[in-house]
Amino acid sequence: MSKRYSRLTEPLVRDGNELRVATWDEALDVAAKGFLRAKSQGAENSFGIFSCSKATNELNFLSQKFIRTVMGSNNIDSCNRT
């Protein structure tokens, strides 16, 4: 028997071992702090992104631009090469 999953209708943040409902502002702050923490711990070697050829050119461009300029990493891969 497979589980049936519903779509999320509001953001969730981790509070200890639990997920709890949060405001969008709080969720975005948590995400931004996570990116800053990763960057301060050497994101150029530990952070990367995998992109898809089915995404738009604009999304792929913004993804690689974010990884290179914000996170300082060149770890970018894509299913375009397969």
N, C-alpha and C. Protein backbone atom coordinates (compact mmCIF):
# COMPACT_ATOMS: atom_id res chain seq x y z
N MET A 1 0.84 -1.18 0.00
CA MET A 1 0.00 0.00 0.00
C MET A 1 0.89 1.24 0.00
N SER A 2 0.71 2.13 -0.95
CA SER A 2 1.54 3.33 -1.03
C SER A 2 0.90 4.48 -0.27
N LYS A 3 1.76 5.36 0.24
CA LYS A 3 1.27 6.53 0.94
C LYS A 3 0.76 7.55 -0.07
N ARG A 4 -0.22 8.27 0.30
CA ARG A 4 -0.71 9.36 -0.54
C ARG A 4 -0.23 10.66 0.07
N TYR A 5 0.43 11.46 -0.74
CA TYR A 5 0.97 12.71 -0.25
C TYR A 5 0.14 13.87 -0.76
N SER A 6 -0.05 14.85 0.08
CA SER A 6 -0.76 16.07 -0.29
C SER A 6 0.24 17.18 -0.55
N ARG A 7 -0.19 18.15 -1.29
CA ARG A 7 0.67 19.30 -1.55
C ARG A 7 0.76 20.17 -0.30
N LEU A 8 1.91 20.78 -0.11
CA LEU A 8 2.06 21.74 0.98
C LEU A 8 1.31 23.01 0.64
N THR A 9 0.65 23.57 1.60
CA THR A 9 -0.09 24.82 1.37
C THR A 9 0.50 25.99 2.14
N GLU A 10 1.46 25.71 3.00
CA GLU A 10 2.14 26.76 3.76
C GLU A 10 3.55 26.29 4.07
N PRO A 11 4.46 27.23 4.28
CA PRO A 11 5.85 26.82 4.52
C PRO A 11 6.03 26.12 5.87
N LEU A 12 7.00 25.22 5.91
CA LEU A 12 7.37 24.51 7.14
C LEU A 12 8.83 24.78 7.44
N VAL A 13 9.18 24.89 8.71
CA VAL A 13 10.57 25.01 9.14
C VAL A 13 10.84 23.94 10.19
N ARG A 14 12.09 23.53 10.25
CA ARG A 14 12.48 22.52 11.22
C ARG A 14 12.72 23.18 12.57
N ASP A 15 12.10 22.63 13.59
CA ASP A 15 12.25 23.10 14.96
C ASP A 15 12.67 21.88 15.78
N GLY A 16 13.98 21.70 15.94
CA GLY A 16 14.50 20.49 16.55
C GLY A 16 14.35 19.35 15.56
N ASN A 17 13.63 18.30 15.95
CA ASN A 17 13.37 17.17 15.06
C ASN A 17 12.01 17.24 14.39
N GLU A 18 11.28 18.30 14.63
CA GLU A 18 9.92 18.43 14.11
C GLU A 18 9.83 19.53 13.05
N LEU A 19 8.88 19.38 12.14
CA LEU A 19 8.55 20.44 11.21
C LEU A 19 7.32 21.16 11.73
N ARG A 20 7.35 22.48 11.64
CA ARG A 20 6.20 23.26 12.09
C ARG A 20 5.86 24.31 11.04
N VAL A 21 4.62 24.74 11.05
CA VAL A 21 4.15 25.77 10.13
C VAL A 21 4.83 27.10 10.49
N ALA A 22 5.22 27.84 9.45
CA ALA A 22 5.88 29.13 9.65
C ALA A 22 5.31 30.14 8.66
N THR A 23 5.61 31.40 8.90
CA THR A 23 5.25 32.43 7.93
C THR A 23 6.25 32.37 6.78
N TRP A 24 5.89 32.98 5.65
CA TRP A 24 6.83 33.01 4.53
C TRP A 24 8.09 33.78 4.89
N ASP A 25 7.95 34.87 5.63
CA ASP A 25 9.13 35.64 6.04
C ASP A 25 10.07 34.80 6.89
N GLU A 26 9.53 34.05 7.84
CA GLU A 26 10.36 33.21 8.69
C GLU A 26 11.03 32.10 7.88
N ALA A 27 10.27 31.47 6.98
CA ALA A 27 10.83 30.39 6.17
C ALA A 27 11.96 30.90 5.27
N LEU A 28 11.78 32.06 4.67
CA LEU A 28 12.83 32.63 3.81
C LEU A 28 14.05 33.03 4.64
N ASP A 29 13.83 33.53 5.84
CA ASP A 29 14.96 33.85 6.73
C ASP A 29 15.75 32.59 7.09
N VAL A 30 15.06 31.50 7.39
CA VAL A 30 15.72 30.24 7.71
C VAL A 30 16.53 29.75 6.51
N ALA A 31 15.94 29.83 5.32
CA ALA A 31 16.66 29.40 4.10
C ALA A 31 17.89 30.26 3.87
N ALA A 32 17.76 31.58 4.02
CA ALA A 32 18.89 32.48 3.82
C ALA A 32 20.01 32.19 4.82
N LYS A 33 19.66 31.95 6.08
CA LYS A 33 20.66 31.61 7.08
C LYS A 33 21.37 30.31 6.74
N GLY A 34 20.63 29.34 6.18
CA GLY A 34 21.24 28.08 5.75
C GLY A 34 22.26 28.30 4.64
N PHE A 35 21.92 29.15 3.67
CA PHE A 35 22.88 29.47 2.60
C PHE A 35 24.11 30.17 3.16
N LEU A 36 23.91 31.12 4.07
CA LEU A 36 25.05 31.82 4.68
C LEU A 36 25.93 30.87 5.48
N ARG A 37 25.31 29.94 6.20
CA ARG A 37 26.08 28.96 6.97
C ARG A 37 26.89 28.06 6.03
N ALA A 38 26.28 27.61 4.95
CA ALA A 38 26.99 26.77 3.97
C ALA A 38 28.15 27.53 3.36
N LYS A 39 27.93 28.80 3.04
CA LYS A 39 29.00 29.61 2.44
C LYS A 39 30.15 29.81 3.41
N SER A 40 29.84 30.04 4.68
CA SER A 40 30.89 30.26 5.67
C SER A 40 31.68 28.99 5.98
N GLN A 41 31.09 27.83 5.64
CA GLN A 41 31.76 26.55 5.90
C GLN A 41 32.39 25.96 4.65
N GLY A 42 32.64 26.80 3.64
CA GLY A 42 33.35 26.33 2.46
C GLY A 42 32.47 25.82 1.35
N ALA A 43 31.46 26.59 0.98
CA ALA A 43 30.52 26.16 -0.05
C ALA A 43 31.18 25.94 -1.40
N GLU A 44 32.34 26.56 -1.63
CA GLU A 44 32.99 26.39 -2.93
C GLU A 44 33.35 24.92 -3.19
N ASN A 45 33.49 24.14 -2.14
CA ASN A 45 33.79 22.72 -2.29
C ASN A 45 32.64 21.80 -1.92
N SER A 46 31.69 22.29 -1.13
CA SER A 46 30.66 21.40 -0.60
C SER A 46 29.26 21.68 -1.15
N PHE A 47 29.11 22.70 -1.95
CA PHE A 47 27.80 23.11 -2.43
C PHE A 47 27.74 22.97 -3.94
N GLY A 48 26.63 22.51 -4.46
CA GLY A 48 26.48 22.38 -5.90
C GLY A 48 25.03 22.38 -6.30
N ILE A 49 24.82 22.31 -7.60
CA ILE A 49 23.45 22.29 -8.12
C ILE A 49 23.39 21.35 -9.30
N PHE A 50 22.25 20.70 -9.44
CA PHE A 50 21.98 19.86 -10.60
C PHE A 50 20.79 20.47 -11.30
N SER A 51 20.93 20.73 -12.58
CA SER A 51 19.88 21.38 -13.35
C SER A 51 19.32 20.40 -14.37
N CYS A 52 18.24 20.78 -15.00
CA CYS A 52 17.56 19.88 -15.94
C CYS A 52 17.35 20.56 -17.29
N SER A 53 17.48 19.78 -18.34
CA SER A 53 17.28 20.32 -19.68
C SER A 53 15.83 20.68 -19.95
N LYS A 54 14.92 20.19 -19.12
CA LYS A 54 13.50 20.53 -19.30
C LYS A 54 13.14 21.86 -18.66
N ALA A 55 14.06 22.41 -17.87
CA ALA A 55 13.84 23.74 -17.30
C ALA A 55 14.10 24.78 -18.39
N THR A 56 13.62 25.97 -18.17
CA THR A 56 13.84 27.03 -19.16
C THR A 56 15.31 27.46 -19.15
N ASN A 57 15.76 28.05 -20.24
CA ASN A 57 17.11 28.59 -20.30
C ASN A 57 17.32 29.63 -19.22
N GLU A 58 16.29 30.42 -18.96
CA GLU A 58 16.39 31.47 -17.95
C GLU A 58 16.60 30.88 -16.55
N LEU A 59 15.87 29.81 -16.23
CA LEU A 59 16.03 29.17 -14.92
C LEU A 59 17.41 28.54 -14.79
N ASN A 60 17.87 27.87 -15.84
CA ASN A 60 19.21 27.28 -15.80
C ASN A 60 20.27 28.37 -15.66
N PHE A 61 20.11 29.49 -16.36
CA PHE A 61 21.06 30.60 -16.25
C PHE A 61 21.09 31.15 -14.83
N LEU A 62 19.91 31.41 -14.26
CA LEU A 62 19.85 31.96 -12.91
C LEU A 62 20.41 30.99 -11.88
N SER A 63 20.18 29.70 -12.07
CA SER A 63 20.71 28.70 -11.14
C SER A 63 22.23 28.72 -11.13
N GLN A 64 22.85 28.67 -12.31
CA GLN A 64 24.31 28.67 -12.35
C GLN A 64 24.87 30.00 -11.88
N LYS A 65 24.17 31.10 -12.15
CA LYS A 65 24.64 32.42 -11.70
C LYS A 65 24.61 32.49 -10.17
N PHE A 66 23.55 31.96 -9.56
CA PHE A 66 23.45 31.94 -8.10
C PHE A 66 24.59 31.13 -7.48
N ILE A 67 24.82 29.93 -8.00
CA ILE A 67 25.86 29.07 -7.44
C ILE A 67 27.23 29.72 -7.58
N ARG A 68 27.51 30.31 -8.73
CA ARG A 68 28.83 30.91 -8.95
C ARG A 68 29.03 32.21 -8.19
N THR A 69 28.07 33.12 -8.26
CA THR A 69 28.29 34.45 -7.68
C THR A 69 27.94 34.53 -6.20
N VAL A 70 26.88 33.86 -5.77
CA VAL A 70 26.47 33.95 -4.37
C VAL A 70 27.19 32.93 -3.50
N MET A 71 27.21 31.67 -3.96
CA MET A 71 27.80 30.61 -3.15
C MET A 71 29.28 30.41 -3.43
N GLY A 72 29.80 30.94 -4.53
CA GLY A 72 31.23 30.83 -4.82
C GLY A 72 31.65 29.44 -5.28
N SER A 73 30.73 28.68 -5.86
CA SER A 73 31.03 27.32 -6.27
C SER A 73 30.88 27.17 -7.78
N ASN A 74 31.70 26.31 -8.36
CA ASN A 74 31.56 25.96 -9.77
C ASN A 74 31.00 24.56 -9.93
N ASN A 75 30.44 23.99 -8.87
CA ASN A 75 29.90 22.63 -8.90
C ASN A 75 28.50 22.65 -9.50
N ILE A 76 28.46 22.61 -10.82
CA ILE A 76 27.19 22.68 -11.56
C ILE A 76 27.15 21.50 -12.51
N ASP A 77 26.04 20.76 -12.51
CA ASP A 77 25.89 19.66 -13.42
C ASP A 77 24.48 19.72 -14.01
N SER A 78 24.29 19.01 -15.09
CA SER A 78 23.00 19.05 -15.76
C SER A 78 22.78 17.74 -16.52
N CYS A 79 21.53 17.41 -16.68
CA CYS A 79 21.21 16.22 -17.47
C CYS A 79 21.32 16.52 -18.97
N ASN A 80 21.67 17.74 -19.33
CA ASN A 80 21.86 18.10 -20.73
C ASN A 80 22.95 17.27 -21.39
N ARG A 81 23.93 16.83 -20.62
CA ARG A 81 25.08 16.14 -21.19
C ARG A 81 24.85 14.64 -21.34
N THR A 82 23.72 14.11 -20.88
CA THR A 82 23.49 12.67 -20.97
C THR A 82 22.80 12.28 -22.24
